[in-house]
Structure formats: structure tokens, C-alpha cells
Amino acid sequence: MSISQGTMYLEGFGNVPFTHTTLVAPPAVKFNAPKHRGECGVKNGKIQIPFFHMGCCGDESMVVQIQTVNIPTQINKEFFAKIAMLLKLIPFLDWDWSSFRRNILAPNKEHITEIFGEFFAKRIMEDLYVVLNNWDKPTEEDELQAQEAGVVLVSHRTFFTEKKVEY
């Protein structure tokens, strides 16, 4: 989005302030290829996400399975929801946040900033794994306790919209 501000002369009104907003499409998505089979990245036209024995992230000899996801046209909440659902389907295996950030998110930092804004893009780059691993909303009991304590719990509903969330 591009925003310009200034004043313009309107007969009978004098100099009048104005703001003009131009919507600009976010930059196209781009990804890094994995250096080996134990990294997330794009290979053969798909995003590959390897799953490991717990605690063995990044060790290609410990890859148990590799899941693929179609390349999105935008890195947005819907894309993150797909990743979160994939992680939820395989809870007994680990995944490599580090290579996901390096090969999927980092090349798209400008794109993500354009979609979510600077504050939330920074949060995504640093802490997205928290919400991916906790995508579903908290239980009613947890939410009630958090409300009583004046806290907003992290979930997919709050991570991308609330600046002060607890996680």
C-alpha cells in the first residue's frame, strides 16, 4: 500500500489537506530450495516439509516422512492454517522451524510485511512456530481464566491481530 499526503487548492475552499491511498499488490512469493532432504524448502514445484523423530530436526538421516504443500500465491493466514493443520495431523513427529523460517519465510519477508504490517511481520518471523503448534483456540476454561487475569491467549484468532498476547 502506498500513501501520499499533501494539500491541494480548491476554489472556494483554499488549501485543503488530502490523503491518497494506492493499493499495491504484495511482491510475488519466492522460496529457497532445501540444501538436503532434512530441510524445508521448495523442490519439484512444491513446498516440502520433512518430519523427524522427536528432537532430531535438521538431521536428514532422522527424516521419517516428507509432506508437500502447494506453493501459495500469498503467504497469508490461510497458508499458515494449512501448515498448522499438517502439523496437527502428525503430532508424534518433529518439524524443523529453523529451515522453515530460513527457506519459506525469510525470502518472503517483504511480502509478509505488505500483508500483515511491520509489527505482525516481525512476530511472524520470530514466533510463528508458537501459533502453528497451538493453532486451535484455547479451551473455554483457559479463556475464562485468561479473561479474569486480563490476558489474551495466543491462537490463530489473536496472533495476527492482537499486539498483546500471552504465549
N, C-alpha and C. Protein backbone atom coordinates (compact mmCIF):
# COMPACT_ATOMS: atom_id res chain seq x y z
N MET A 1 0.85 -1.15 0.00
CA MET A 1 0.00 0.00 0.00
C MET A 1 0.91 1.23 0.00
N SER A 2 0.53 2.20 -0.80
CA SER A 2 1.28 3.45 -0.89
C SER A 2 0.36 4.58 -0.43
N ILE A 3 0.85 5.43 0.46
CA ILE A 3 0.04 6.53 0.99
C ILE A 3 0.77 7.84 0.71
N SER A 4 0.06 8.78 0.07
CA SER A 4 0.64 10.11 -0.12
C SER A 4 -0.28 11.13 0.53
N GLN A 5 0.32 12.16 1.09
CA GLN A 5 -0.45 13.21 1.76
C GLN A 5 0.04 14.56 1.27
N GLY A 6 -0.83 15.54 1.38
CA GLY A 6 -0.46 16.90 0.99
C GLY A 6 -1.65 17.81 1.06
N THR A 7 -1.54 18.93 0.38
CA THR A 7 -2.66 19.85 0.28
C THR A 7 -2.87 20.18 -1.18
N MET A 8 -4.08 20.55 -1.51
CA MET A 8 -4.38 21.00 -2.86
C MET A 8 -5.36 22.17 -2.77
N TYR A 9 -5.27 23.04 -3.75
CA TYR A 9 -6.12 24.23 -3.74
C TYR A 9 -7.43 23.91 -4.42
N LEU A 10 -8.53 24.18 -3.69
CA LEU A 10 -9.87 24.04 -4.25
C LEU A 10 -10.53 25.41 -4.19
N GLU A 11 -10.95 25.87 -5.34
CA GLU A 11 -11.56 27.20 -5.40
C GLU A 11 -12.75 27.27 -4.44
N GLY A 12 -12.78 28.29 -3.67
CA GLY A 12 -13.83 28.49 -2.69
C GLY A 12 -13.52 27.86 -1.33
N PHE A 13 -12.53 26.97 -1.32
CA PHE A 13 -12.17 26.29 -0.07
C PHE A 13 -10.72 26.57 0.34
N GLY A 14 -9.90 27.01 -0.60
CA GLY A 14 -8.49 27.26 -0.30
C GLY A 14 -7.69 25.97 -0.33
N ASN A 15 -6.59 25.96 0.42
CA ASN A 15 -5.76 24.75 0.50
C ASN A 15 -6.44 23.73 1.41
N VAL A 16 -6.67 22.57 0.88
CA VAL A 16 -7.38 21.51 1.59
C VAL A 16 -6.44 20.31 1.73
N PRO A 17 -6.29 19.77 2.95
CA PRO A 17 -5.43 18.58 3.10
C PRO A 17 -6.09 17.36 2.45
N PHE A 18 -5.24 16.47 1.93
CA PHE A 18 -5.76 15.24 1.34
C PHE A 18 -4.81 14.09 1.66
N THR A 19 -5.38 12.90 1.62
CA THR A 19 -4.60 11.67 1.72
C THR A 19 -5.05 10.78 0.58
N HIS A 20 -4.09 10.26 -0.15
CA HIS A 20 -4.40 9.37 -1.27
C HIS A 20 -3.73 8.02 -1.00
N THR A 21 -4.53 6.98 -1.01
CA THR A 21 -4.01 5.64 -0.76
C THR A 21 -4.10 4.83 -2.05
N THR A 22 -3.01 4.21 -2.43
CA THR A 22 -2.97 3.35 -3.59
C THR A 22 -2.67 1.94 -3.12
N LEU A 23 -3.53 1.01 -3.45
CA LEU A 23 -3.29 -0.37 -3.07
C LEU A 23 -2.32 -0.99 -4.08
N VAL A 24 -1.29 -1.58 -3.56
CA VAL A 24 -0.27 -2.21 -4.38
C VAL A 24 -0.22 -3.68 -3.99
N ALA A 25 -0.19 -4.55 -5.00
CA ALA A 25 -0.12 -5.98 -4.70
C ALA A 25 1.20 -6.29 -4.00
N PRO A 26 1.17 -7.21 -3.04
CA PRO A 26 2.43 -7.59 -2.38
C PRO A 26 3.38 -8.21 -3.40
N PRO A 27 4.68 -8.16 -3.13
CA PRO A 27 5.64 -8.79 -4.03
C PRO A 27 5.33 -10.28 -4.20
N ALA A 28 5.70 -10.81 -5.35
CA ALA A 28 5.46 -12.24 -5.61
C ALA A 28 6.21 -13.09 -4.59
N VAL A 29 5.65 -14.25 -4.30
CA VAL A 29 6.29 -15.16 -3.36
C VAL A 29 7.52 -15.81 -4.01
N LYS A 30 8.49 -16.12 -3.17
CA LYS A 30 9.70 -16.81 -3.63
C LYS A 30 10.21 -17.65 -2.46
N PHE A 31 10.88 -18.71 -2.79
CA PHE A 31 11.32 -19.65 -1.76
C PHE A 31 12.73 -20.12 -2.06
N ASN A 32 13.41 -20.57 -1.03
CA ASN A 32 14.72 -21.20 -1.19
C ASN A 32 14.53 -22.70 -1.30
N ALA A 33 15.43 -23.32 -2.02
CA ALA A 33 15.44 -24.78 -2.10
C ALA A 33 16.13 -25.33 -0.86
N PRO A 34 15.74 -26.51 -0.41
CA PRO A 34 16.45 -27.12 0.72
C PRO A 34 17.85 -27.55 0.28
N LYS A 35 18.79 -27.48 1.21
CA LYS A 35 20.16 -27.92 0.91
C LYS A 35 20.27 -29.45 0.97
N HIS A 36 19.37 -30.07 1.72
CA HIS A 36 19.33 -31.53 1.81
C HIS A 36 17.92 -31.94 2.20
N ARG A 37 17.67 -33.21 2.25
CA ARG A 37 16.31 -33.73 2.47
C ARG A 37 15.78 -33.43 3.87
N GLY A 38 16.62 -32.97 4.78
CA GLY A 38 16.20 -32.65 6.13
C GLY A 38 15.81 -31.20 6.34
N GLU A 39 15.66 -30.44 5.25
CA GLU A 39 15.26 -29.03 5.36
C GLU A 39 13.94 -28.78 4.65
N CYS A 40 13.18 -27.81 5.19
CA CYS A 40 12.00 -27.31 4.49
C CYS A 40 12.49 -26.48 3.31
N GLY A 41 11.69 -26.42 2.27
CA GLY A 41 12.03 -25.60 1.11
C GLY A 41 11.24 -26.06 -0.09
N VAL A 42 11.46 -25.41 -1.23
CA VAL A 42 10.73 -25.77 -2.44
C VAL A 42 11.59 -26.68 -3.31
N LYS A 43 10.99 -27.79 -3.67
CA LYS A 43 11.65 -28.77 -4.52
C LYS A 43 10.60 -29.36 -5.44
N ASN A 44 10.90 -29.45 -6.71
CA ASN A 44 9.98 -30.01 -7.71
C ASN A 44 8.63 -29.29 -7.70
N GLY A 45 8.64 -27.97 -7.51
CA GLY A 45 7.42 -27.18 -7.59
C GLY A 45 6.49 -27.29 -6.39
N LYS A 46 6.96 -27.85 -5.30
CA LYS A 46 6.15 -27.99 -4.08
C LYS A 46 6.99 -27.59 -2.88
N ILE A 47 6.31 -27.11 -1.85
CA ILE A 47 6.99 -26.86 -0.58
C ILE A 47 7.08 -28.21 0.12
N GLN A 48 8.28 -28.59 0.49
CA GLN A 48 8.44 -29.85 1.21
C GLN A 48 8.73 -29.56 2.68
N ILE A 49 8.08 -30.32 3.53
CA ILE A 49 8.26 -30.20 4.97
C ILE A 49 8.61 -31.58 5.51
N PRO A 50 9.87 -31.77 5.90
CA PRO A 50 10.26 -33.06 6.46
C PRO A 50 9.86 -33.19 7.93
N PHE A 51 9.53 -34.38 8.31
CA PHE A 51 9.19 -34.69 9.71
C PHE A 51 10.21 -35.68 10.24
N PHE A 52 10.62 -35.45 11.49
CA PHE A 52 11.72 -36.18 12.09
C PHE A 52 11.29 -36.90 13.36
N HIS A 53 12.14 -37.83 13.79
CA HIS A 53 12.00 -38.35 15.14
C HIS A 53 12.15 -37.16 16.08
N MET A 54 11.43 -37.16 17.18
CA MET A 54 11.46 -36.03 18.12
C MET A 54 12.89 -35.68 18.53
N GLY A 55 13.18 -34.38 18.47
CA GLY A 55 14.48 -33.88 18.88
C GLY A 55 15.58 -34.01 17.84
N CYS A 56 15.24 -34.43 16.64
CA CYS A 56 16.27 -34.65 15.61
C CYS A 56 16.11 -33.74 14.40
N CYS A 57 15.52 -32.58 14.57
CA CYS A 57 15.27 -31.66 13.46
C CYS A 57 16.55 -31.32 12.71
N GLY A 58 16.44 -31.33 11.39
CA GLY A 58 17.55 -30.95 10.54
C GLY A 58 18.50 -32.08 10.19
N ASP A 59 18.42 -33.19 10.91
CA ASP A 59 19.30 -34.33 10.65
C ASP A 59 18.63 -35.19 9.57
N GLU A 60 19.17 -35.11 8.35
CA GLU A 60 18.50 -35.80 7.25
C GLU A 60 18.42 -37.31 7.43
N SER A 61 19.30 -37.88 8.25
CA SER A 61 19.24 -39.32 8.50
C SER A 61 18.08 -39.69 9.42
N MET A 62 17.47 -38.69 10.08
CA MET A 62 16.36 -38.95 11.01
C MET A 62 14.99 -38.57 10.44
N VAL A 63 14.94 -38.26 9.14
CA VAL A 63 13.66 -37.94 8.50
C VAL A 63 12.82 -39.21 8.43
N VAL A 64 11.60 -39.10 8.92
CA VAL A 64 10.67 -40.22 8.90
C VAL A 64 9.77 -40.13 7.66
N GLN A 65 9.32 -38.91 7.36
CA GLN A 65 8.49 -38.69 6.18
C GLN A 65 8.59 -37.25 5.74
N ILE A 66 8.26 -37.01 4.48
CA ILE A 66 8.26 -35.66 3.93
C ILE A 66 6.87 -35.40 3.37
N GLN A 67 6.26 -34.32 3.83
CA GLN A 67 4.96 -33.90 3.33
C GLN A 67 5.18 -32.72 2.38
N THR A 68 4.29 -32.59 1.41
CA THR A 68 4.40 -31.47 0.48
C THR A 68 3.13 -30.63 0.53
N VAL A 69 3.31 -29.35 0.22
CA VAL A 69 2.21 -28.38 0.19
C VAL A 69 2.35 -27.60 -1.12
N ASN A 70 1.22 -27.31 -1.75
CA ASN A 70 1.27 -26.49 -2.97
C ASN A 70 1.83 -25.11 -2.66
N ILE A 71 2.53 -24.54 -3.62
CA ILE A 71 3.08 -23.20 -3.46
C ILE A 71 1.94 -22.20 -3.50
N PRO A 72 1.81 -21.36 -2.49
CA PRO A 72 0.72 -20.38 -2.47
C PRO A 72 1.07 -19.15 -3.30
N THR A 73 0.04 -18.40 -3.67
CA THR A 73 0.29 -17.13 -4.35
C THR A 73 0.51 -16.03 -3.32
N GLN A 74 0.06 -16.26 -2.08
CA GLN A 74 0.27 -15.32 -0.99
C GLN A 74 0.64 -16.08 0.28
N ILE A 75 1.53 -15.48 1.05
CA ILE A 75 1.85 -16.02 2.38
C ILE A 75 0.91 -15.27 3.33
N ASN A 76 -0.24 -15.88 3.60
CA ASN A 76 -1.26 -15.23 4.43
C ASN A 76 -1.76 -16.21 5.48
N LYS A 77 -2.78 -15.82 6.19
CA LYS A 77 -3.29 -16.65 7.28
C LYS A 77 -3.80 -18.00 6.75
N GLU A 78 -4.38 -18.03 5.57
CA GLU A 78 -4.88 -19.29 5.01
C GLU A 78 -3.72 -20.26 4.76
N PHE A 79 -2.60 -19.73 4.28
CA PHE A 79 -1.42 -20.58 4.08
C PHE A 79 -0.94 -21.12 5.42
N PHE A 80 -0.85 -20.26 6.42
CA PHE A 80 -0.40 -20.70 7.74
C PHE A 80 -1.37 -21.73 8.33
N ALA A 81 -2.66 -21.59 8.05
CA ALA A 81 -3.64 -22.56 8.54
C ALA A 81 -3.36 -23.95 7.94
N LYS A 82 -3.00 -23.99 6.66
CA LYS A 82 -2.67 -25.28 6.03
C LYS A 82 -1.46 -25.93 6.69
N ILE A 83 -0.46 -25.11 6.98
CA ILE A 83 0.75 -25.64 7.63
C ILE A 83 0.38 -26.15 9.03
N ALA A 84 -0.40 -25.37 9.77
CA ALA A 84 -0.80 -25.77 11.12
C ALA A 84 -1.60 -27.07 11.11
N MET A 85 -2.49 -27.23 10.14
CA MET A 85 -3.29 -28.46 10.07
C MET A 85 -2.39 -29.65 9.73
N LEU A 86 -1.39 -29.43 8.88
CA LEU A 86 -0.44 -30.50 8.56
C LEU A 86 0.32 -30.92 9.82
N LEU A 87 0.77 -29.94 10.59
CA LEU A 87 1.49 -30.25 11.83
C LEU A 87 0.60 -30.98 12.83
N LYS A 88 -0.66 -30.61 12.85
CA LYS A 88 -1.60 -31.24 13.78
C LYS A 88 -1.86 -32.71 13.40
N LEU A 89 -1.79 -33.02 12.11
CA LEU A 89 -2.02 -34.39 11.65
C LEU A 89 -0.88 -35.33 12.03
N ILE A 90 0.30 -34.77 12.31
CA ILE A 90 1.47 -35.59 12.60
C ILE A 90 2.07 -35.14 13.94
N PRO A 91 1.33 -35.27 15.03
CA PRO A 91 1.78 -34.72 16.31
C PRO A 91 2.94 -35.48 16.96
N PHE A 92 3.17 -36.70 16.53
CA PHE A 92 4.18 -37.53 17.17
C PHE A 92 5.56 -37.38 16.51
N LEU A 93 5.65 -36.52 15.50
CA LEU A 93 6.93 -36.25 14.85
C LEU A 93 7.26 -34.77 14.97
N ASP A 94 8.53 -34.45 14.83
CA ASP A 94 9.01 -33.08 14.95
C ASP A 94 9.19 -32.47 13.57
N TRP A 95 9.22 -31.16 13.49
CA TRP A 95 9.46 -30.46 12.23
C TRP A 95 10.50 -29.37 12.47
N ASP A 96 11.13 -28.90 11.39
CA ASP A 96 12.27 -28.00 11.50
C ASP A 96 11.86 -26.54 11.29
N TRP A 97 11.56 -25.85 12.39
CA TRP A 97 11.18 -24.45 12.34
C TRP A 97 12.30 -23.61 11.72
N SER A 98 13.52 -23.91 12.05
CA SER A 98 14.66 -23.12 11.60
C SER A 98 14.74 -23.07 10.07
N SER A 99 14.65 -24.21 9.41
CA SER A 99 14.71 -24.20 7.95
C SER A 99 13.42 -23.66 7.34
N PHE A 100 12.29 -23.82 8.02
CA PHE A 100 11.04 -23.23 7.55
C PHE A 100 11.18 -21.71 7.52
N ARG A 101 11.71 -21.15 8.60
CA ARG A 101 11.90 -19.70 8.67
C ARG A 101 12.90 -19.25 7.60
N ARG A 102 14.00 -19.96 7.48
CA ARG A 102 15.07 -19.56 6.55
C ARG A 102 14.65 -19.71 5.08
N ASN A 103 13.97 -20.79 4.72
CA ASN A 103 13.69 -21.08 3.31
C ASN A 103 12.29 -20.73 2.83
N ILE A 104 11.36 -20.57 3.77
CA ILE A 104 9.97 -20.24 3.40
C ILE A 104 9.64 -18.80 3.77
N LEU A 105 9.89 -18.43 5.02
CA LEU A 105 9.50 -17.09 5.49
C LEU A 105 10.48 -15.99 5.07
N ALA A 106 11.77 -16.18 5.34
CA ALA A 106 12.76 -15.11 5.11
C ALA A 106 12.75 -14.58 3.67
N PRO A 107 12.66 -15.43 2.64
CA PRO A 107 12.63 -14.89 1.29
C PRO A 107 11.36 -14.06 1.00
N ASN A 108 10.37 -14.20 1.87
CA ASN A 108 9.08 -13.52 1.68
C ASN A 108 8.81 -12.45 2.73
N LYS A 109 9.86 -11.98 3.40
CA LYS A 109 9.66 -11.01 4.48
C LYS A 109 8.94 -9.75 3.98
N GLU A 110 9.34 -9.24 2.84
CA GLU A 110 8.69 -8.05 2.29
C GLU A 110 7.22 -8.33 1.96
N HIS A 111 6.98 -9.48 1.38
CA HIS A 111 5.61 -9.91 1.04
C HIS A 111 4.76 -10.01 2.31
N ILE A 112 5.30 -10.64 3.34
CA ILE A 112 4.58 -10.82 4.61
C ILE A 112 4.33 -9.47 5.27
N THR A 113 5.31 -8.57 5.21
CA THR A 113 5.14 -7.23 5.78
C THR A 113 4.03 -6.47 5.05
N GLU A 114 3.96 -6.60 3.76
CA GLU A 114 2.92 -5.93 2.97
C GLU A 114 1.53 -6.43 3.37
N ILE A 115 1.41 -7.70 3.65
CA ILE A 115 0.11 -8.28 4.00
C ILE A 115 -0.27 -8.01 5.46
N PHE A 116 0.66 -8.21 6.39
CA PHE A 116 0.33 -8.15 7.81
C PHE A 116 0.75 -6.86 8.51
N GLY A 117 1.61 -6.07 7.91
CA GLY A 117 2.14 -4.88 8.57
C GLY A 117 3.42 -5.22 9.30
N GLU A 118 4.19 -4.20 9.64
CA GLU A 118 5.53 -4.40 10.20
C GLU A 118 5.52 -5.13 11.55
N PHE A 119 4.64 -4.72 12.46
CA PHE A 119 4.62 -5.35 13.79
C PHE A 119 4.35 -6.85 13.68
N PHE A 120 3.30 -7.21 12.95
CA PHE A 120 2.92 -8.62 12.87
C PHE A 120 3.90 -9.42 12.01
N ALA A 121 4.50 -8.79 10.99
CA ALA A 121 5.52 -9.48 10.19
C ALA A 121 6.70 -9.86 11.07
N LYS A 122 7.12 -8.95 11.94
CA LYS A 122 8.24 -9.25 12.86
C LYS A 122 7.86 -10.41 13.78
N ARG A 123 6.62 -10.40 14.28
CA ARG A 123 6.15 -11.50 15.14
C ARG A 123 6.14 -12.81 14.37
N ILE A 124 5.67 -12.77 13.13
CA ILE A 124 5.63 -13.97 12.30
C ILE A 124 7.04 -14.52 12.10
N MET A 125 7.97 -13.65 11.77
CA MET A 125 9.35 -14.09 11.50
C MET A 125 10.01 -14.70 12.74
N GLU A 126 9.65 -14.21 13.92
CA GLU A 126 10.29 -14.68 15.15
C GLU A 126 9.52 -15.80 15.86
N ASP A 127 8.19 -15.71 15.88
CA ASP A 127 7.41 -16.57 16.77
C ASP A 127 6.29 -17.37 16.10
N LEU A 128 6.25 -17.45 14.79
CA LEU A 128 5.16 -18.15 14.12
C LEU A 128 5.01 -19.59 14.60
N TYR A 129 6.12 -20.23 14.93
CA TYR A 129 6.05 -21.63 15.37
C TYR A 129 5.12 -21.79 16.57
N VAL A 130 5.02 -20.76 17.41
CA VAL A 130 4.16 -20.85 18.60
C VAL A 130 2.72 -21.03 18.18
N VAL A 131 2.25 -20.22 17.24
CA VAL A 131 0.84 -20.32 16.84
C VAL A 131 0.62 -21.52 15.91
N LEU A 132 1.61 -21.89 15.11
CA LEU A 132 1.45 -23.09 14.28
C LEU A 132 1.27 -24.33 15.14
N ASN A 133 1.98 -24.38 16.25
CA ASN A 133 1.86 -25.53 17.16
C ASN A 133 0.65 -25.42 18.09
N ASN A 134 0.01 -24.25 18.14
CA ASN A 134 -1.15 -24.02 19.02
C ASN A 134 -2.26 -23.31 18.23
N TRP A 135 -2.54 -23.79 17.05
CA TRP A 135 -3.46 -23.10 16.15
C TRP A 135 -4.88 -23.00 16.71
N ASP A 136 -5.36 -24.08 17.27
CA ASP A 136 -6.74 -24.10 17.76
C ASP A 136 -6.90 -23.13 18.91
N LYS A 137 -8.12 -22.64 19.04
CA LYS A 137 -8.35 -21.71 20.15
C LYS A 137 -8.24 -22.44 21.48
N PRO A 138 -7.89 -21.71 22.52
CA PRO A 138 -7.78 -22.34 23.85
C PRO A 138 -9.15 -22.86 24.31
N THR A 139 -9.14 -23.73 25.30
CA THR A 139 -10.39 -24.25 25.84
C THR A 139 -11.17 -23.11 26.48
N GLU A 140 -12.47 -23.31 26.65
CA GLU A 140 -13.30 -22.29 27.30
C GLU A 140 -12.81 -21.98 28.70
N GLU A 141 -12.40 -23.02 29.41
CA GLU A 141 -11.90 -22.83 30.78
C GLU A 141 -10.64 -21.96 30.77
N ASP A 142 -9.71 -22.26 29.85
CA ASP A 142 -8.49 -21.45 29.76
C ASP A 142 -8.81 -20.01 29.39
N GLU A 143 -9.74 -19.83 28.47
CA GLU A 143 -10.11 -18.47 28.06
C GLU A 143 -10.75 -17.69 29.21
N LEU A 144 -11.61 -18.35 29.99
CA LEU A 144 -12.23 -17.69 31.13
C LEU A 144 -11.18 -17.28 32.16
N GLN A 145 -10.26 -18.18 32.44
CA GLN A 145 -9.19 -17.86 33.38
C GLN A 145 -8.33 -16.70 32.87
N ALA A 146 -8.05 -16.71 31.58
CA ALA A 146 -7.24 -15.64 30.99
C ALA A 146 -7.98 -14.31 31.05
N GLN A 147 -9.28 -14.32 30.76
CA GLN A 147 -10.08 -13.09 30.83
C GLN A 147 -10.08 -12.53 32.25
N GLU A 148 -10.27 -13.41 33.21
CA GLU A 148 -10.25 -12.97 34.61
C GLU A 148 -8.91 -12.36 34.99
N ALA A 149 -7.84 -12.87 34.39
CA ALA A 149 -6.49 -12.36 34.67
C ALA A 149 -6.14 -11.17 33.77
N GLY A 150 -7.04 -10.82 32.84
CA GLY A 150 -6.78 -9.70 31.94
C GLY A 150 -5.75 -10.03 30.87
N VAL A 151 -5.70 -11.29 30.44
CA VAL A 151 -4.71 -11.75 29.48
C VAL A 151 -5.41 -12.23 28.21
N VAL A 152 -4.78 -12.00 27.06
CA VAL A 152 -5.27 -12.52 25.79
C VAL A 152 -4.36 -13.68 25.41
N LEU A 153 -4.94 -14.88 25.29
CA LEU A 153 -4.15 -16.06 24.95
C LEU A 153 -3.88 -16.11 23.45
N VAL A 154 -2.75 -16.71 23.08
CA VAL A 154 -2.39 -16.83 21.68
C VAL A 154 -3.18 -17.95 21.02
N SER A 155 -3.65 -17.67 19.83
CA SER A 155 -4.27 -18.65 18.94
C SER A 155 -4.27 -18.00 17.57
N HIS A 156 -4.77 -18.72 16.58
CA HIS A 156 -4.79 -18.13 15.25
C HIS A 156 -5.70 -16.90 15.19
N ARG A 157 -6.62 -16.80 16.11
CA ARG A 157 -7.52 -15.63 16.14
C ARG A 157 -6.82 -14.39 16.68
N THR A 158 -5.83 -14.54 17.54
CA THR A 158 -5.21 -13.39 18.19
C THR A 158 -3.80 -13.08 17.70
N PHE A 159 -3.06 -14.07 17.24
CA PHE A 159 -1.66 -13.90 16.87
C PHE A 159 -1.46 -12.84 15.79
N PHE A 160 -2.36 -12.79 14.82
CA PHE A 160 -2.22 -11.90 13.67
C PHE A 160 -2.94 -10.56 13.85
N THR A 161 -3.63 -10.39 14.99
CA THR A 161 -4.44 -9.17 15.15
C THR A 161 -4.23 -8.43 16.46
N GLU A 162 -3.88 -9.13 17.52
CA GLU A 162 -3.73 -8.52 18.84
C GLU A 162 -2.25 -8.29 19.15
N LYS A 163 -1.90 -7.08 19.51
CA LYS A 163 -0.49 -6.79 19.78
C LYS A 163 -0.03 -7.39 21.11
N LYS A 164 -0.92 -7.47 22.08
CA LYS A 164 -0.53 -8.01 23.40
C LYS A 164 -1.22 -9.35 23.61
N VAL A 165 -0.49 -10.42 23.29
CA VAL A 165 -1.00 -11.77 23.53
C VAL A 165 0.00 -12.51 24.41
N GLU A 166 -0.52 -13.46 25.15
CA GLU A 166 0.29 -14.21 26.10
C GLU A 166 0.64 -15.56 25.49
N TYR A 167 1.95 -15.83 25.40
CA TYR A 167 2.42 -17.14 24.95
C TYR A 167 3.79 -17.43 25.46
